[in-house]
Protein backbone atom coordinates (compact mmCIF):
# COMPACT_ATOMS: atom_id res chain seq x y z
CA MET A 1 122.30 94.13 98.02
CA ASN A 2 122.35 94.30 93.94
CA SER A 3 120.46 91.94 94.87
CA ILE A 4 117.52 93.08 96.58
CA LEU A 5 116.96 96.04 93.96
CA LYS A 6 117.32 94.70 90.96
CA PRO A 7 113.78 92.71 90.99
CA LEU A 8 112.54 95.85 92.57
CA VAL A 9 113.44 97.76 89.95
CA VAL A 10 111.82 95.46 87.63
CA PHE A 11 108.13 94.66 90.05
CA CYS A 12 108.24 98.56 89.43
CA SER A 13 108.66 99.57 86.38
CA LEU A 14 105.75 96.98 85.79
CA GLY A 15 103.53 98.66 88.23
CA PHE A 16 104.18 102.29 86.46
CA ALA A 17 102.96 100.55 83.15
CA LEU A 18 99.74 98.69 84.60
CA PRO A 19 97.56 101.60 84.60
CA SER A 20 97.43 101.04 80.58
CA ILE A 21 96.50 97.87 80.82
CA SER A 22 92.81 97.04 81.13
CA PHE A 23 91.71 95.08 83.47
CA ALA A 24 87.83 94.09 83.42
CA GLU A 25 86.27 94.93 86.60
CA SER A 26 82.19 96.02 87.09
CA ASP A 27 81.09 97.57 90.44
CA LYS A 28 78.04 95.80 90.21
CA ASN A 29 79.91 92.24 89.98
CA PRO A 30 83.71 92.21 90.96
CA ASP A 31 82.92 88.53 91.02
CA PRO A 32 82.96 86.90 87.47
CA TRP A 33 85.45 84.05 87.68
CA GLN A 34 83.28 82.35 90.31
CA GLY A 35 82.98 79.64 89.54
CA PHE A 36 86.65 78.96 89.25
CA ASN A 37 86.86 81.01 92.69
CA ARG A 38 84.39 78.61 94.77
CA ALA A 39 86.14 74.97 93.91
CA MET A 40 89.43 76.97 94.90
CA PHE A 41 88.36 78.12 97.81
CA THR A 42 87.06 74.94 98.19
CA PHE A 43 90.36 73.55 97.05
CA ASN A 44 92.60 75.68 100.43
CA ASP A 45 89.76 75.37 102.86
CA ALA A 46 90.34 71.35 102.29
CA ILE A 47 93.87 72.21 103.64
CA ASP A 48 92.80 74.32 105.89
CA ARG A 49 90.78 71.98 107.37
CA TRP A 50 92.47 69.02 108.20
CA ALA A 51 96.10 70.63 108.19
CA LEU A 52 96.98 73.91 109.16
CA LYS A 53 94.19 74.96 111.62
CA PRO A 54 94.79 71.67 113.54
CA LEU A 55 98.70 72.69 113.73
CA ALA A 56 97.41 76.06 114.55
CA LYS A 57 95.57 75.51 117.62
CA GLY A 58 98.29 72.76 118.58
CA TYR A 59 100.68 76.33 118.40
CA LYS A 60 98.58 77.58 120.00
CA PHE A 61 98.15 75.49 122.38
CA VAL A 62 101.89 74.57 123.72
CA MET A 63 102.52 78.40 123.56
CA PRO A 64 102.55 80.31 126.50
CA ASP A 65 100.56 83.82 125.74
CA PRO A 66 103.41 86.26 126.08
CA LEU A 67 105.97 83.86 124.35
CA GLU A 68 102.57 83.92 121.12
CA VAL A 69 102.30 87.79 121.44
CA GLY A 70 106.50 88.01 120.89
CA VAL A 71 106.64 86.06 118.12
CA THR A 72 103.21 87.71 116.65
CA ASN A 73 105.52 90.87 117.07
CA ILE A 74 108.29 89.73 115.35
CA PHE A 75 106.93 89.49 112.17
CA SER A 76 105.12 92.40 112.99
CA ASN A 77 107.94 94.02 112.83
CA ILE A 78 109.56 92.56 109.85
CA LYS A 79 106.69 93.98 107.59
CA GLU A 80 108.06 97.12 108.84
CA VAL A 81 110.28 97.48 105.45
CA PRO A 82 107.73 96.87 103.09
CA ASN A 83 105.60 99.19 104.89
CA THR A 84 108.90 102.13 104.75
CA ILE A 85 109.14 101.16 101.12
CA ASN A 86 105.57 100.92 100.40
CA GLY A 87 105.50 104.34 101.68
CA VAL A 88 108.04 106.13 99.86
CA LEU A 89 106.33 104.66 96.74
CA GLN A 90 102.76 106.26 97.70
CA GLY A 91 104.32 109.63 98.32
CA ASP A 92 103.47 108.74 101.39
CA PHE A 93 106.78 109.93 103.87
CA LYS A 94 105.40 110.87 106.71
CA GLY A 95 103.97 107.27 107.19
CA ALA A 96 107.49 106.04 105.33
CA ALA A 97 108.74 107.53 108.14
CA HIS A 98 106.65 106.35 111.43
CA ASP A 99 106.99 102.69 109.65
CA THR A 100 111.33 103.47 109.84
CA GLY A 101 110.83 104.59 113.53
CA ARG A 102 109.01 101.83 114.85
CA LEU A 103 111.34 99.49 113.00
CA LEU A 104 115.03 101.20 114.58
CA VAL A 105 112.92 101.02 118.18
CA ASN A 106 111.56 97.60 117.80
CA THR A 107 114.40 96.32 116.60
CA THR A 108 117.18 97.41 118.66
CA ILE A 109 115.81 98.28 122.32
CA GLY A 110 112.55 95.86 121.40
CA ILE A 111 115.76 93.08 121.57
CA GLY A 112 114.55 92.51 117.03
CA GLY A 113 110.79 92.68 117.74
CA LEU A 114 109.62 90.27 120.33
CA LEU A 115 108.83 93.88 122.46
CA ASP A 116 106.47 96.37 121.29
CA VAL A 117 108.51 99.44 122.48
CA ALA A 118 107.54 101.65 119.95
CA GLN A 119 104.66 102.14 120.79
CA TYR A 120 105.50 103.30 124.30
CA MET A 121 107.02 106.18 121.88
CA ASN A 122 103.98 108.13 119.71
CA LEU A 123 104.61 105.38 117.35
CA PRO A 124 101.65 103.05 118.03
CA ALA A 125 101.05 100.61 114.82
CA ASP A 126 99.70 101.33 112.05
CA ASP A 127 97.70 99.93 108.78
CA PRO A 128 100.22 97.12 107.23
CA GLU A 129 101.42 98.32 103.52
CA ASP A 130 101.73 96.12 100.73
CA PHE A 131 102.51 97.10 96.96
CA GLY A 132 98.80 95.93 95.68
CA GLN A 133 97.83 99.20 97.51
CA THR A 134 101.33 100.95 95.51
CA LEU A 135 99.82 99.93 92.45
CA ALA A 136 95.85 101.21 93.59
CA VAL A 137 97.34 104.35 94.37
CA TRP A 138 99.27 104.32 91.05
CA GLY A 139 96.14 104.44 89.40
CA VAL A 140 95.84 101.07 88.78
CA GLY A 141 92.16 99.48 88.64
CA GLN A 142 91.41 96.24 91.14
CA GLY A 143 90.01 93.62 88.28
CA PRO A 144 88.49 90.53 89.84
CA TYR A 145 87.94 89.11 92.75
CA LEU A 146 90.93 86.12 92.77
CA VAL A 147 91.33 83.03 95.02
CA LEU A 148 94.82 81.84 94.48
CA PRO A 149 95.94 78.46 95.03
CA LEU A 150 97.41 78.49 98.55
CA LEU A 151 97.69 82.34 99.21
CA GLY A 152 93.56 82.17 99.84
CA PRO A 153 92.02 85.94 98.61
CA SER A 154 93.31 88.33 95.91
CA THR A 155 92.34 90.89 93.02
CA LEU A 156 93.65 90.66 89.45
CA ARG A 157 95.44 93.86 90.82
CA ASP A 158 96.51 92.38 94.79
CA GLY A 159 98.43 89.05 92.69
CA PHE A 160 100.81 91.89 90.32
CA GLY A 161 101.59 92.80 93.66
CA ARG A 162 102.32 89.66 95.75
CA PRO A 163 106.14 88.99 93.46
CA VAL A 164 107.60 92.41 94.78
CA ASP A 165 105.90 91.56 98.55
CA TRP A 166 107.45 89.21 98.48
CA TYR A 167 111.38 90.69 97.19
CA THR A 168 110.89 93.51 99.56
CA SER A 169 109.96 90.96 103.01
CA PRO A 170 113.66 90.59 104.38
CA THR A 171 112.87 86.86 105.38
CA ALA A 172 113.53 86.06 101.26
CA TYR A 173 117.18 86.75 101.66
CA ILE A 174 117.72 83.72 104.10
CA ASP A 175 119.97 81.53 102.29
CA HIS A 176 119.83 78.96 105.26
CA VAL A 177 117.78 76.65 103.39
CA PRO A 178 116.82 75.16 107.58
CA THR A 179 116.32 78.59 108.42
CA ASP A 180 114.04 79.32 105.92
CA ASN A 181 111.86 77.30 106.19
CA THR A 182 111.63 77.63 109.83
CA VAL A 183 110.44 81.13 109.60
CA LEU A 184 107.74 80.76 107.17
CA GLY A 185 106.54 77.62 108.85
CA VAL A 186 106.61 79.72 112.16
CA SER A 187 104.86 82.99 110.38
CA LEU A 188 102.02 80.74 108.77
CA LEU A 189 100.94 79.05 111.99
CA SER A 190 101.52 82.58 114.08
CA ALA A 191 98.83 84.03 111.46
CA ARG A 192 96.72 81.67 110.92
CA ALA A 193 96.70 80.75 115.51
CA ASN A 194 95.43 84.30 115.39
CA LEU A 195 92.73 84.22 113.33
CA LEU A 196 91.11 81.11 114.81
CA ASP A 197 89.08 83.51 116.88
CA LEU A 198 88.02 85.74 114.58
CA GLU A 199 86.29 82.77 113.02
CA LYS A 200 84.13 82.45 115.25
CA ASN A 201 82.22 85.87 113.71
CA ILE A 202 81.92 83.56 110.31
CA THR A 203 78.18 83.60 109.24
CA GLY A 204 76.13 82.53 106.36
CA ASP A 205 77.61 81.35 103.22
CA LYS A 206 81.21 80.94 104.07
CA TYR A 207 83.17 81.91 100.04
CA THR A 208 80.68 84.83 100.48
CA PHE A 209 81.54 85.99 104.10
CA ILE A 210 85.28 85.85 103.29
CA ARG A 211 85.47 87.55 99.95
CA ASP A 212 83.19 90.82 101.15
CA VAL A 213 85.19 90.91 103.68
CA TYR A 214 88.50 90.99 102.70
CA LEU A 215 87.17 93.41 98.98
CA GLN A 216 86.24 95.33 102.50
CA ARG A 217 89.56 95.32 104.02
CA ARG A 218 91.21 96.18 100.75
CA ASP A 219 89.56 99.28 99.95
CA TYR A 220 89.68 100.65 103.72
CA LEU A 221 93.40 100.11 103.68
CA ILE A 222 93.83 101.45 100.17
CA ASN A 223 91.90 104.82 101.05
CA ASN A 224 93.04 104.99 105.06
CA GLY A 225 90.00 104.15 106.34
CA GLU A 226 87.62 106.52 104.15
CA VAL A 227 84.71 104.14 102.82
CA ALA A 228 81.63 103.50 102.26
CA ASP A 229 79.96 100.69 104.44
CA GLU A 230 78.72 97.89 102.11
CA PHE A 231 79.49 94.93 103.42
CA GLY A 232 77.18 91.97 102.89
CA ALA A 233 76.23 92.73 99.34
CA ASP A 234 73.94 90.74 97.96
CA ASP A 235 76.29 87.12 96.37
CA PHE A 236 77.01 87.53 92.40
CA ASP A 237 76.07 84.63 89.31
CA GLY A 238 78.93 84.98 87.83
CA GLU A 239 80.65 82.19 86.10
CA PHE A 240 83.88 81.40 85.42
């Protein structure tokens, strides 16, 4: 237990200190590092196009639909742990109790999350919570948009939150290397397979489309759905 709590305490302490850090951001240009971001986007897109996407298509082809849904349910159930932790850190105790209820019901009656039984017990799936959202609730500014190598879209604030997200996920504490690698691989394939249909909606400049969708989605999650619709804003000319 100590190995779980110590990193969390360190990062939570960092979170309380972050509001005093000045993140250079502008409402008119949330993408001042666009030169760097586009280079990272091109790199990530190449890896996705030649490796991850073909594997995800193969995964979707060989997996029976019920089993594919079950795998998605399992990983969604695992995410209820960081959902609960971040709910508490944000002071949303009602939401944390809801996520805890889903976790307990689906882990037991739902056979480890394979079946989403909780949705039939007035415990429907809620929006995910992560430490980036928690930092926003604590008053940390968003900072510039940032595309991370291999990890994809982010912001400076969300980047600070990612280590805590890793530490609060139960999969981070799998000691058996082959099992850990298998879980990571299946998780990536499942997540990518779920995006195959959605990417058909991409129009125009792919980089701009994904950036705008990501930023709008983050605003939606942080503000619990109460956001202005600014999707489709003009591209920015900021340089790295």
